[in-house]
C-alpha cells in the first residue's frame, strides 16, 4: 500500500503545455513532466534512480493519479 507521504509531489513549474512536479525519493529527486496531451515523462540526474523508482508502487500510484486527473478534466487547466 502507498501512503500519501510517499506520494508527495511539489508543483515546481507550469505553462500552457506542461506541468513539472518534483518528487523526493530515497535515491534522489525525480521530476515528473505532465504534458497537456496526457503524456507523462520522468527525469532524474542518475538513470539508476529512475530504474529503481519505476519498479515501485509509488511510481504506479503517481501515474494513476496524474492520468486520472488528465482524463477527468480533459485538456482544461487542472487546479490542485
N, C-alpha and C. Protein backbone atom coordinates (compact mmCIF):
# COMPACT_ATOMS: atom_id res chain seq x y z
N UNK A 1 0.84 -1.18 0.00
CA UNK A 1 0.00 0.00 0.00
C UNK A 1 0.88 1.24 0.00
N UNK A 2 0.45 2.27 -0.71
CA UNK A 2 1.19 3.52 -0.82
C UNK A 2 0.55 4.56 0.09
N UNK A 3 1.38 5.23 0.91
CA UNK A 3 0.85 6.28 1.77
C UNK A 3 0.94 7.62 1.07
N UNK A 4 0.18 8.58 1.55
CA UNK A 4 0.19 9.94 0.99
C UNK A 4 1.59 10.53 1.08
N UNK A 5 2.28 10.33 2.19
CA UNK A 5 3.62 10.89 2.37
C UNK A 5 4.58 10.38 1.28
N UNK A 6 4.47 9.12 0.92
CA UNK A 6 5.34 8.55 -0.11
C UNK A 6 5.04 9.13 -1.49
N UNK A 7 3.83 9.60 -1.69
CA UNK A 7 3.41 10.07 -2.99
C UNK A 7 3.49 11.59 -3.14
N UNK A 8 4.01 12.29 -2.17
CA UNK A 8 4.03 13.74 -2.19
C UNK A 8 4.86 14.26 -3.35
N UNK A 9 4.25 15.17 -4.11
CA UNK A 9 4.93 15.85 -5.20
C UNK A 9 4.69 17.34 -5.05
N UNK A 10 5.65 18.12 -5.49
CA UNK A 10 5.53 19.57 -5.44
C UNK A 10 5.51 20.10 -6.87
N UNK A 11 4.52 20.93 -7.18
CA UNK A 11 4.46 21.57 -8.49
C UNK A 11 5.53 22.65 -8.51
N UNK A 12 6.52 22.52 -9.40
CA UNK A 12 7.63 23.47 -9.40
C UNK A 12 7.59 24.43 -10.59
N UNK A 13 6.86 24.08 -11.64
CA UNK A 13 6.73 24.97 -12.81
C UNK A 13 5.51 24.55 -13.62
N UNK A 14 4.99 25.52 -14.35
CA UNK A 14 3.79 25.24 -15.15
C UNK A 14 3.68 26.27 -16.25
N UNK A 15 3.29 25.81 -17.43
CA UNK A 15 2.90 26.72 -18.51
C UNK A 15 1.74 26.08 -19.25
N UNK A 16 1.38 26.59 -20.42
CA UNK A 16 0.21 26.06 -21.13
C UNK A 16 0.42 24.66 -21.66
N UNK A 17 1.65 24.21 -21.80
CA UNK A 17 1.93 22.91 -22.39
C UNK A 17 2.31 21.82 -21.39
N UNK A 18 2.90 22.20 -20.25
CA UNK A 18 3.44 21.18 -19.35
C UNK A 18 3.39 21.66 -17.90
N UNK A 19 3.21 20.70 -17.01
CA UNK A 19 3.35 20.92 -15.57
C UNK A 19 4.54 20.08 -15.12
N UNK A 20 5.38 20.65 -14.27
CA UNK A 20 6.55 19.92 -13.79
C UNK A 20 6.43 19.79 -12.28
N UNK A 21 6.44 18.53 -11.83
CA UNK A 21 6.36 18.21 -10.41
C UNK A 21 7.71 17.65 -9.97
N UNK A 22 8.05 17.84 -8.69
CA UNK A 22 9.24 17.22 -8.12
C UNK A 22 8.80 16.24 -7.05
N UNK A 23 9.38 15.05 -7.11
CA UNK A 23 9.12 14.01 -6.11
C UNK A 23 10.44 13.61 -5.50
N UNK A 24 10.54 13.65 -4.18
CA UNK A 24 11.76 13.24 -3.49
C UNK A 24 11.64 11.78 -3.11
N UNK A 25 12.65 11.01 -3.46
CA UNK A 25 12.69 9.59 -3.14
C UNK A 25 13.98 9.30 -2.40
N UNK A 26 14.12 8.11 -1.90
CA UNK A 26 15.31 7.74 -1.11
C UNK A 26 16.59 7.99 -1.91
N UNK A 27 16.58 7.66 -3.20
CA UNK A 27 17.78 7.79 -4.00
C UNK A 27 18.07 9.18 -4.51
N UNK A 28 17.08 10.06 -4.55
CA UNK A 28 17.26 11.41 -5.07
C UNK A 28 15.95 12.01 -5.52
N UNK A 29 16.05 13.07 -6.29
CA UNK A 29 14.84 13.76 -6.76
C UNK A 29 14.46 13.28 -8.16
N UNK A 30 13.16 13.21 -8.38
CA UNK A 30 12.62 12.82 -9.68
C UNK A 30 11.69 13.93 -10.15
N UNK A 31 11.89 14.37 -11.38
CA UNK A 31 10.99 15.35 -11.97
C UNK A 31 9.96 14.60 -12.81
N UNK A 32 8.71 15.01 -12.66
CA UNK A 32 7.62 14.41 -13.41
C UNK A 32 7.04 15.50 -14.31
N UNK A 33 7.07 15.26 -15.62
CA UNK A 33 6.56 16.21 -16.60
C UNK A 33 5.22 15.70 -17.09
N UNK A 34 4.17 16.49 -16.85
CA UNK A 34 2.82 16.13 -17.29
C UNK A 34 2.45 17.07 -18.43
N UNK A 35 2.41 16.54 -19.65
CA UNK A 35 2.12 17.34 -20.82
C UNK A 35 0.62 17.46 -21.03
N UNK A 36 0.23 18.49 -21.73
CA UNK A 36 -1.17 18.78 -21.97
C UNK A 36 -1.89 17.63 -22.67
N UNK A 37 -1.17 16.90 -23.51
CA UNK A 37 -1.78 15.78 -24.25
C UNK A 37 -1.93 14.52 -23.39
N UNK A 38 -1.51 14.59 -22.10
CA UNK A 38 -1.67 13.47 -21.19
C UNK A 38 -0.40 12.65 -20.99
N UNK A 39 0.61 12.90 -21.79
CA UNK A 39 1.87 12.15 -21.68
C UNK A 39 2.59 12.49 -20.39
N UNK A 40 3.14 11.48 -19.74
CA UNK A 40 3.97 11.66 -18.55
C UNK A 40 5.40 11.26 -18.89
N UNK A 41 6.35 12.08 -18.46
CA UNK A 41 7.76 11.79 -18.64
C UNK A 41 8.46 12.01 -17.31
N UNK A 42 9.41 11.15 -16.99
CA UNK A 42 10.14 11.22 -15.73
C UNK A 42 11.60 11.50 -16.02
N UNK A 43 12.24 12.29 -15.15
CA UNK A 43 13.66 12.58 -15.33
C UNK A 43 14.38 12.67 -13.99
N UNK A 44 15.64 12.23 -13.98
CA UNK A 44 16.50 12.31 -12.79
C UNK A 44 17.92 12.60 -13.24
N UNK A 45 18.78 12.91 -12.27
CA UNK A 45 20.19 13.12 -12.59
C UNK A 45 20.87 11.79 -12.91
N UNK A 46 20.45 10.72 -12.23
CA UNK A 46 21.04 9.39 -12.44
C UNK A 46 19.96 8.43 -12.91
N UNK A 47 20.22 7.73 -13.97
CA UNK A 47 19.25 6.78 -14.52
C UNK A 47 18.97 5.64 -13.54
N UNK A 48 19.94 5.30 -12.69
CA UNK A 48 19.73 4.21 -11.74
C UNK A 48 18.60 4.55 -10.76
N UNK A 49 18.44 5.81 -10.41
CA UNK A 49 17.35 6.25 -9.52
C UNK A 49 16.01 5.98 -10.19
N UNK A 50 15.92 6.35 -11.46
CA UNK A 50 14.68 6.16 -12.20
C UNK A 50 14.38 4.68 -12.42
N UNK A 51 15.41 3.89 -12.70
CA UNK A 51 15.21 2.45 -12.89
C UNK A 51 14.63 1.80 -11.64
N UNK A 52 15.15 2.17 -10.48
CA UNK A 52 14.62 1.63 -9.21
C UNK A 52 13.20 2.13 -8.96
N UNK A 53 12.99 3.43 -9.19
CA UNK A 53 11.70 4.06 -8.92
C UNK A 53 10.59 3.43 -9.76
N UNK A 54 10.86 3.11 -11.02
CA UNK A 54 9.84 2.56 -11.90
C UNK A 54 9.30 1.21 -11.44
N UNK A 55 9.99 0.55 -10.53
CA UNK A 55 9.55 -0.75 -10.01
C UNK A 55 8.70 -0.62 -8.76
N UNK A 56 8.45 0.60 -8.28
CA UNK A 56 7.76 0.80 -7.01
C UNK A 56 6.26 1.03 -7.18
N UNK A 57 5.54 0.82 -6.10
CA UNK A 57 4.10 1.12 -6.07
C UNK A 57 3.86 2.63 -6.12
N UNK A 58 4.80 3.41 -5.61
CA UNK A 58 4.66 4.88 -5.64
C UNK A 58 4.63 5.35 -7.09
N UNK A 59 5.52 4.82 -7.91
CA UNK A 59 5.55 5.17 -9.35
C UNK A 59 4.20 4.88 -9.99
N UNK A 60 3.67 3.68 -9.73
CA UNK A 60 2.38 3.30 -10.31
C UNK A 60 1.27 4.22 -9.83
N UNK A 61 1.31 4.59 -8.54
CA UNK A 61 0.27 5.46 -7.98
C UNK A 61 0.35 6.86 -8.59
N UNK A 62 1.56 7.40 -8.75
CA UNK A 62 1.71 8.72 -9.36
C UNK A 62 1.17 8.70 -10.78
N UNK A 63 1.51 7.69 -11.54
CA UNK A 63 0.99 7.58 -12.92
C UNK A 63 -0.52 7.52 -12.92
N UNK A 64 -1.07 6.72 -12.03
CA UNK A 64 -2.53 6.55 -11.96
C UNK A 64 -3.21 7.87 -11.60
N UNK A 65 -2.69 8.58 -10.60
CA UNK A 65 -3.30 9.84 -10.15
C UNK A 65 -3.22 10.90 -11.24
N UNK A 66 -2.05 11.09 -11.83
CA UNK A 66 -1.91 12.14 -12.84
C UNK A 66 -2.69 11.81 -14.11
N UNK A 67 -2.73 10.54 -14.49
CA UNK A 67 -3.51 10.14 -15.66
C UNK A 67 -5.00 10.33 -15.39
N UNK A 68 -5.44 10.01 -14.19
CA UNK A 68 -6.84 10.18 -13.81
C UNK A 68 -7.23 11.66 -13.86
N UNK A 69 -6.37 12.53 -13.32
CA UNK A 69 -6.66 13.97 -13.35
C UNK A 69 -6.81 14.46 -14.78
N UNK A 70 -5.92 14.00 -15.66
CA UNK A 70 -5.97 14.44 -17.05
C UNK A 70 -7.24 13.94 -17.73
N UNK A 71 -7.60 12.69 -17.50
CA UNK A 71 -8.81 12.13 -18.11
C UNK A 71 -10.06 12.80 -17.56
N UNK A 72 -10.04 13.12 -16.29
CA UNK A 72 -11.19 13.72 -15.64
C UNK A 72 -11.45 15.13 -16.14
N UNK A 73 -10.37 15.87 -16.40
CA UNK A 73 -10.50 17.28 -16.76
C UNK A 73 -10.21 17.57 -18.23
N UNK A 74 -9.85 16.56 -18.98
CA UNK A 74 -9.53 16.77 -20.40
C UNK A 74 -8.34 17.69 -20.54
N UNK A 75 -8.37 18.55 -21.54
CA UNK A 75 -7.25 19.46 -21.79
C UNK A 75 -7.40 20.77 -21.05
N UNK A 76 -8.42 20.90 -20.21
CA UNK A 76 -8.58 22.12 -19.42
C UNK A 76 -7.46 22.21 -18.40
N UNK A 77 -7.19 23.38 -17.94
CA UNK A 77 -6.19 23.55 -16.90
C UNK A 77 -6.67 22.84 -15.64
N UNK A 78 -5.76 22.16 -14.99
CA UNK A 78 -6.10 21.35 -13.81
C UNK A 78 -5.77 22.16 -12.57
N UNK A 79 -6.72 22.31 -11.67
CA UNK A 79 -6.43 23.02 -10.43
C UNK A 79 -6.24 22.00 -9.32
N UNK A 80 -5.20 22.19 -8.54
CA UNK A 80 -4.90 21.26 -7.44
C UNK A 80 -5.64 21.64 -6.20
